[in-house]
Amino acid sequence: MFTQTNEITFKLPSWISDYTKEIDTLKDINDRALFVIEASRQNILNKTGGPFAAAVFEKDSGALIALGVNLVTSQGLSTLHAEIVALEIAENKLHTYDLSGNEKIEYELVSSCEPCAMCFGAIPWSGVKRVITCAKDEDARAIGFEEGDKPKDWRISFKNRGIEVIDEVKRAEAKEVLNFYLEDGGEIYNGTKS
């Protein structure tokens, strides 16, 4: 007889509470980038998932809304990329599926790496008005991750949808974390074992 679960949930690592308890606002985008890069490092050190982190901030004030980390391996769910986790937490916290719904506040997503194909597709639906990335797609691919097919001009696609993109913010620091993950023996997971 066919059975199916009626609920899917995921749990954030316990270290996130301590990591974020002193953070309220980060005014500078470089500080926001370093914040997510360090979260990606903590995810490695705590063995709670892949080497990626993302956060949703109020674009102008820099108020932290949500921090997400990659939970693919620890939760056993292929879609739990850091960007998806951060967006879902922010939407849940703000009680909306549309982060563009507030006329007074614009939100941004800061990610330790460029979005993969899945996250590229999900980001515009979230309603964020700016995306800030650190490491490049090629940096993730260099350690073995398969990022999927997305347009080479993905930034233009976002721009055409009203989403500003700032990339390569603190790229060297983010790339260092990716390399650390590989050196630490982190699992390189891909949908296909190619």
C-alpha atoms as a PDB file:
ATOM      1  CA  MET A   1       0.000   0.000   0.000  1.00  0.00           C
ATOM      2  CA  PHE A   2       1.276   3.464  -0.919  1.00  0.00           C
ATOM      3  CA  THR A   3       2.147   5.755   1.965  1.00  0.00           C
ATOM      4  CA  GLN A   4       3.430   9.288   1.979  1.00  0.00           C
ATOM      5  CA  THR A   5       4.579  11.620   4.697  1.00  0.00           C
ATOM      6  CA  ASN A   6       2.260  14.522   5.450  1.00  0.00           C
ATOM      7  CA  GLU A   7       4.978  16.920   6.539  1.00  0.00           C
ATOM      8  CA  ILE A   8       8.504  17.826   5.540  1.00  0.00           C
ATOM      9  CA  THR A   9      10.559  19.931   7.938  1.00  0.00           C
ATOM     10  CA  PHE A  10      14.166  20.881   8.341  1.00  0.00           C
ATOM     11  CA  LYS A  11      16.085  21.966  11.390  1.00  0.00           C
ATOM     12  CA  LEU A  12      18.789  24.602  11.524  1.00  0.00           C
ATOM     13  CA  PRO A  13      22.051  23.695  13.240  1.00  0.00           C
ATOM     14  CA  SER A  14      22.163  24.732  16.900  1.00  0.00           C
ATOM     15  CA  TRP A  15      25.368  26.762  16.418  1.00  0.00           C
ATOM     16  CA  ILE A  16      23.447  29.352  14.342  1.00  0.00           C
ATOM     17  CA  SER A  17      21.765  30.787  17.443  1.00  0.00           C
ATOM     18  CA  ASP A  18      25.110  31.548  19.075  1.00  0.00           C
ATOM     19  CA  TYR A  19      26.618  32.802  15.815  1.00  0.00           C
ATOM     20  CA  THR A  20      23.814  35.308  15.210  1.00  0.00           C
ATOM     21  CA  LYS A  21      22.999  36.426  18.761  1.00  0.00           C
ATOM     22  CA  GLU A  22      25.354  39.436  18.657  1.00  0.00           C
ATOM     23  CA  ILE A  23      24.350  40.480  15.132  1.00  0.00           C
ATOM     24  CA  ASP A  24      21.531  42.899  14.542  1.00  0.00           C
ATOM     25  CA  THR A  25      22.625  45.158  11.709  1.00  0.00           C
ATOM     26  CA  LEU A  26      25.542  45.102   9.286  1.00  0.00           C
ATOM     27  CA  LYS A  27      25.672  48.406   7.415  1.00  0.00           C
ATOM     28  CA  ASP A  28      28.453  47.595   4.940  1.00  0.00           C
ATOM     29  CA  ILE A  29      28.047  44.988   2.197  1.00  0.00           C
ATOM     30  CA  ASN A  30      31.604  43.798   2.820  1.00  0.00           C
ATOM     31  CA  ASP A  31      30.666  43.024   6.424  1.00  0.00           C
ATOM     32  CA  ARG A  32      27.533  41.216   5.241  1.00  0.00           C
ATOM     33  CA  ALA A  33      29.651  39.152   2.857  1.00  0.00           C
ATOM     34  CA  LEU A  34      32.176  38.273   5.571  1.00  0.00           C
ATOM     35  CA  PHE A  35      29.288  37.303   7.860  1.00  0.00           C
ATOM     36  CA  VAL A  36      27.949  34.707   5.383  1.00  0.00           C
ATOM     37  CA  ILE A  37      31.440  33.499   4.487  1.00  0.00           C
ATOM     38  CA  GLU A  38      32.190  32.837   8.150  1.00  0.00           C
ATOM     39  CA  ALA A  39      28.821  31.076   8.497  1.00  0.00           C
ATOM     40  CA  SER A  40      29.826  28.792   5.613  1.00  0.00           C
ATOM     41  CA  ARG A  41      33.081  28.037   7.446  1.00  0.00           C
ATOM     42  CA  GLN A  42      31.171  27.309  10.658  1.00  0.00           C
ATOM     43  CA  ASN A  43      28.926  24.910   8.728  1.00  0.00           C
ATOM     44  CA  ILE A  44      32.054  22.978   7.755  1.00  0.00           C
ATOM     45  CA  LEU A  45      33.644  23.083  11.200  1.00  0.00           C
ATOM     46  CA  ASN A  46      30.423  21.912  12.842  1.00  0.00           C
ATOM     47  CA  LYS A  47      29.873  19.184  10.216  1.00  0.00           C
ATOM     48  CA  THR A  48      26.315  20.402   9.589  1.00  0.00           C
ATOM     49  CA  GLY A  49      26.308  20.623   5.781  1.00  0.00           C
ATOM     50  CA  GLY A  50      28.011  21.937   2.693  1.00  0.00           C
ATOM     51  CA  PRO A  51      30.342  24.941   2.369  1.00  0.00           C
ATOM     52  CA  PHE A  52      27.699  27.534   1.577  1.00  0.00           C
ATOM     53  CA  ALA A  53      25.736  30.159   3.518  1.00  0.00           C
ATOM     54  CA  ALA A  54      23.321  32.936   2.630  1.00  0.00           C
ATOM     55  CA  ALA A  55      21.455  35.627   4.510  1.00  0.00           C
ATOM     56  CA  VAL A  56      18.540  37.958   3.913  1.00  0.00           C
ATOM     57  CA  PHE A  57      19.031  41.547   5.021  1.00  0.00           C
ATOM     58  CA  GLU A  58      17.038  44.725   4.806  1.00  0.00           C
ATOM     59  CA  LYS A  59      18.834  46.300   1.858  1.00  0.00           C
ATOM     60  CA  ASP A  60      19.117  49.866   3.182  1.00  0.00           C
ATOM     61  CA  SER A  61      19.406  49.416   6.945  1.00  0.00           C
ATOM     62  CA  GLY A  62      21.441  46.207   6.898  1.00  0.00           C
ATOM     63  CA  ALA A  63      19.175  44.586   9.496  1.00  0.00           C
ATOM     64  CA  LEU A  64      19.643  40.819   9.512  1.00  0.00           C
ATOM     65  CA  ILE A  65      16.393  38.987   8.759  1.00  0.00           C
ATOM     66  CA  ALA A  66      17.537  35.378   8.291  1.00  0.00           C
ATOM     67  CA  LEU A  67      20.642  33.240   7.995  1.00  0.00           C
ATOM     68  CA  GLY A  68      20.622  29.975   6.097  1.00  0.00           C
ATOM     69  CA  VAL A  69      23.314  27.394   5.522  1.00  0.00           C
ATOM     70  CA  ASN A  70      23.526  24.464   3.162  1.00  0.00           C
ATOM     71  CA  LEU A  71      21.806  21.466   4.770  1.00  0.00           C
ATOM     72  CA  VAL A  72      21.818  19.023   1.862  1.00  0.00           C
ATOM     73  CA  THR A  73      23.968  16.327   3.445  1.00  0.00           C
ATOM     74  CA  SER A  74      22.904  16.795   7.065  1.00  0.00           C
ATOM     75  CA  GLN A  75      19.162  16.799   6.326  1.00  0.00           C
ATOM     76  CA  GLY A  76      19.195  14.494   3.291  1.00  0.00           C
ATOM     77  CA  LEU A  77      17.238  16.910   1.079  1.00  0.00           C
ATOM     78  CA  SER A  78      18.767  17.993  -2.222  1.00  0.00           C
ATOM     79  CA  THR A  79      16.988  21.368  -2.354  1.00  0.00           C
ATOM     80  CA  LEU A  80      18.248  22.684   0.981  1.00  0.00           C
ATOM     81  CA  HIS A  81      20.820  25.015  -0.521  1.00  0.00           C
ATOM     82  CA  ALA A  82      21.801  27.987   1.634  1.00  0.00           C
ATOM     83  CA  GLU A  83      19.884  30.491  -0.503  1.00  0.00           C
ATOM     84  CA  ILE A  84      16.675  28.446  -0.376  1.00  0.00           C
ATOM     85  CA  VAL A  85      17.007  27.966   3.388  1.00  0.00           C
ATOM     86  CA  ALA A  86      17.629  31.692   4.003  1.00  0.00           C
ATOM     87  CA  LEU A  87      14.698  32.729   1.817  1.00  0.00           C
ATOM     88  CA  GLU A  88      12.327  30.241   3.440  1.00  0.00           C
ATOM     89  CA  ILE A  89      13.311  31.390   6.931  1.00  0.00           C
ATOM     90  CA  ALA A  90      12.887  35.060   5.962  1.00  0.00           C
ATOM     91  CA  GLU A  91       9.499  34.449   4.362  1.00  0.00           C
ATOM     92  CA  ASN A  92       8.333  32.475   7.383  1.00  0.00           C
ATOM     93  CA  LYS A  93       9.590  35.130   9.797  1.00  0.00           C
ATOM     94  CA  LEU A  94       7.961  37.962   7.841  1.00  0.00           C
ATOM     95  CA  HIS A  95       4.769  35.945   7.168  1.00  0.00           C
ATOM     96  CA  THR A  96       4.930  36.409   3.407  1.00  0.00           C
ATOM     97  CA  TYR A  97       5.949  34.483   0.318  1.00  0.00           C
ATOM     98  CA  ASP A  98       6.738  37.776  -1.429  1.00  0.00           C
ATOM     99  CA  LEU A  99       9.661  39.761  -0.030  1.00  0.00           C
ATOM    100  CA  SER A 100       8.835  42.610  -2.423  1.00  0.00           C
ATOM    101  CA  GLY A 101       5.449  43.136  -0.774  1.00  0.00           C
ATOM    102  CA  ASN A 102       6.633  45.831   1.627  1.00  0.00           C
ATOM    103  CA  GLU A 103       6.779  49.189  -0.148  1.00  0.00           C
ATOM    104  CA  LYS A 104       8.972  50.742   2.562  1.00  0.00           C
ATOM    105  CA  ILE A 105      11.605  48.011   2.917  1.00  0.00           C
ATOM    106  CA  GLU A 106      13.559  46.247   0.191  1.00  0.00           C
ATOM    107  CA  TYR A 107      15.337  42.989   0.938  1.00  0.00           C
ATOM    108  CA  GLU A 108      18.549  41.514  -0.385  1.00  0.00           C
ATOM    109  CA  LEU A 109      20.103  38.078  -0.447  1.00  0.00           C
ATOM    110  CA  VAL A 110      23.818  37.801   0.338  1.00  0.00           C
ATOM    111  CA  SER A 111      25.329  34.456  -0.626  1.00  0.00           C
ATOM    112  CA  SER A 112      28.775  32.995  -0.136  1.00  0.00           C
ATOM    113  CA  CYS A 113      28.674  31.797  -3.762  1.00  0.00           C
ATOM    114  CA  GLU A 114      26.905  32.601  -7.016  1.00  0.00           C
ATOM    115  CA  PRO A 115      23.550  30.835  -7.271  1.00  0.00           C
ATOM    116  CA  CYS A 116      23.379  27.412  -8.868  1.00  0.00           C
ATOM    117  CA  ALA A 117      20.737  26.717 -11.505  1.00  0.00           C
ATOM    118  CA  MET A 118      18.069  25.866  -8.903  1.00  0.00           C
ATOM    119  CA  CYS A 119      18.693  28.933  -6.773  1.00  0.00           C
ATOM    120  CA  PHE A 120      18.904  31.118  -9.885  1.00  0.00           C
ATOM    121  CA  GLY A 121      15.351  30.039 -10.658  1.00  0.00           C
ATOM    122  CA  ALA A 122      14.056  30.540  -7.109  1.00  0.00           C
ATOM    123  CA  ILE A 123      15.567  33.932  -6.294  1.00  0.00           C
ATOM    124  CA  PRO A 124      13.358  36.088  -8.555  1.00  0.00           C
ATOM    125  CA  TRP A 125      10.218  34.469  -7.114  1.00  0.00           C
ATOM    126  CA  SER A 126      11.290  35.491  -3.609  1.00  0.00           C
ATOM    127  CA  GLY A 127      10.950  39.207  -4.277  1.00  0.00           C
ATOM    128  CA  VAL A 128      14.435  40.285  -3.171  1.00  0.00           C
ATOM    129  CA  LYS A 129      15.665  43.461  -4.839  1.00  0.00           C
ATOM    130  CA  ARG A 130      19.400  42.817  -4.652  1.00  0.00           C
ATOM    131  CA  VAL A 131      21.692  39.799  -4.730  1.00  0.00           C
ATOM    132  CA  ILE A 132      25.257  39.986  -3.450  1.00  0.00           C
ATOM    133  CA  THR A 133      27.543  37.038  -4.151  1.00  0.00           C
ATOM    134  CA  CYS A 134      31.065  36.167  -3.043  1.00  0.00           C
ATOM    135  CA  ALA A 135      32.655  33.129  -4.724  1.00  0.00           C
ATOM    136  CA  LYS A 136      31.985  32.523  -8.396  1.00  0.00           C
ATOM    137  CA  ASP A 137      30.275  29.546  -9.996  1.00  0.00           C
ATOM    138  CA  GLU A 138      33.657  28.450 -11.358  1.00  0.00           C
ATOM    139  CA  ASP A 139      35.083  28.346  -7.810  1.00  0.00           C
ATOM    140  CA  ALA A 140      32.429  25.837  -6.717  1.00  0.00           C
ATOM    141  CA  ARG A 141      32.938  23.814  -9.899  1.00  0.00           C
ATOM    142  CA  ALA A 142      36.707  23.808  -9.315  1.00  0.00           C
ATOM    143  CA  ILE A 143      36.275  21.698  -6.167  1.00  0.00           C
ATOM    144  CA  GLY A 144      33.816  19.335  -7.852  1.00  0.00           C
ATOM    145  CA  PHE A 145      30.316  20.759  -7.389  1.00  0.00           C
ATOM    146  CA  GLU A 146      27.987  20.577 -10.383  1.00  0.00           C
ATOM    147  CA  GLU A 147      26.142  23.883 -10.468  1.00  0.00           C
ATOM    148  CA  GLY A 148      23.680  23.037 -13.239  1.00  0.00           C
ATOM    149  CA  ASP A 149      22.820  24.958 -16.371  1.00  0.00           C
ATOM    150  CA  LYS A 150      22.033  28.622 -16.028  1.00  0.00           C
ATOM    151  CA  PRO A 151      22.430  31.424 -18.540  1.00  0.00           C
ATOM    152  CA  LYS A 152      25.906  32.910 -18.856  1.00  0.00           C
ATOM    153  CA  ASP A 153      24.194  36.292 -18.653  1.00  0.00           C
ATOM    154  CA  TRP A 154      22.287  35.427 -15.452  1.00  0.00           C
ATOM    155  CA  ARG A 155      23.067  38.873 -14.040  1.00  0.00           C
ATOM    156  CA  ILE A 156      21.248  40.511 -16.970  1.00  0.00           C
ATOM    157  CA  SER A 157      18.296  38.200 -16.408  1.00  0.00           C
ATOM    158  CA  PHE A 158      18.104  39.391 -12.792  1.00  0.00           C
ATOM    159  CA  LYS A 159      18.526  43.030 -13.846  1.00  0.00           C
ATOM    160  CA  ASN A 160      15.645  42.656 -16.298  1.00  0.00           C
ATOM    161  CA  ARG A 161      13.511  41.491 -13.371  1.00  0.00           C
ATOM    162  CA  GLY A 162      14.478  44.482 -11.213  1.00  0.00           C
ATOM    163  CA  ILE A 163      17.122  42.696  -9.149  1.00  0.00           C
ATOM    164  CA  GLU A 164      20.479  44.422  -8.726  1.00  0.00           C
ATOM    165  CA  VAL A 165      23.516  42.115  -8.650  1.00  0.00           C
ATOM    166  CA  ILE A 166      26.828  42.823  -6.961  1.00  0.00           C
ATOM    167  CA  ASP A 167      29.250  39.949  -7.354  1.00  0.00           C
ATOM    168  CA  GLU A 168      32.724  38.867  -6.289  1.00  0.00           C
ATOM    169  CA  VAL A 169      32.472  40.632  -2.923  1.00  0.00           C
ATOM    170  CA  LYS A 170      35.251  39.106  -0.797  1.00  0.00           C
ATOM    171  CA  ARG A 171      35.709  36.393  -3.426  1.00  0.00           C
ATOM    172  CA  ALA A 172      39.160  35.328  -2.191  1.00  0.00           C
ATOM    173  CA  GLU A 173      37.837  34.711   1.321  1.00  0.00           C
ATOM    174  CA  ALA A 174      34.859  32.717   0.021  1.00  0.00           C
ATOM    175  CA  LYS A 175      37.041  30.690  -2.320  1.00  0.00           C
ATOM    176  CA  GLU A 176      39.323  29.874   0.617  1.00  0.00           C
ATOM    177  CA  VAL A 177      36.357  28.345   2.484  1.00  0.00           C
ATOM    178  CA  LEU A 178      35.451  26.198  -0.532  1.00  0.00           C
ATOM    179  CA  ASN A 179      39.033  24.940  -0.718  1.00  0.00           C
ATOM    180  CA  PHE A 180      39.033  24.286   3.032  1.00  0.00           C
ATOM    181  CA  TYR A 181      35.907  22.125   2.608  1.00  0.00           C
ATOM    182  CA  LEU A 182      37.650  20.022  -0.020  1.00  0.00           C
ATOM    183  CA  GLU A 183      40.849  19.711   2.045  1.00  0.00           C
ATOM    184  CA  ASP A 184      38.763  18.775   5.108  1.00  0.00           C
ATOM    185  CA  GLY A 185      37.249  15.857   3.189  1.00  0.00           C
ATOM    186  CA  GLY A 186      33.802  17.420   2.784  1.00  0.00           C
ATOM    187  CA  GLU A 187      31.350  15.459   0.702  1.00  0.00           C
ATOM    188  CA  ILE A 188      31.021  16.704  -2.864  1.00  0.00           C
ATOM    189  CA  TYR A 189      27.420  15.886  -3.670  1.00  0.00           C
ATOM    190  CA  ASN A 190      25.847  16.110  -7.098  1.00  0.00           C
ATOM    191  CA  GLY A 191      22.569  14.896  -8.525  1.00  0.00           C
ATOM    192  CA  THR A 192      24.476  12.711 -10.922  1.00  0.00           C
ATOM    193  CA  LYS A 193      27.633  10.877 -10.046  1.00  0.00           C
ATOM    194  CA  SER A 194      29.448  12.080 -13.157  1.00  0.00           C
END
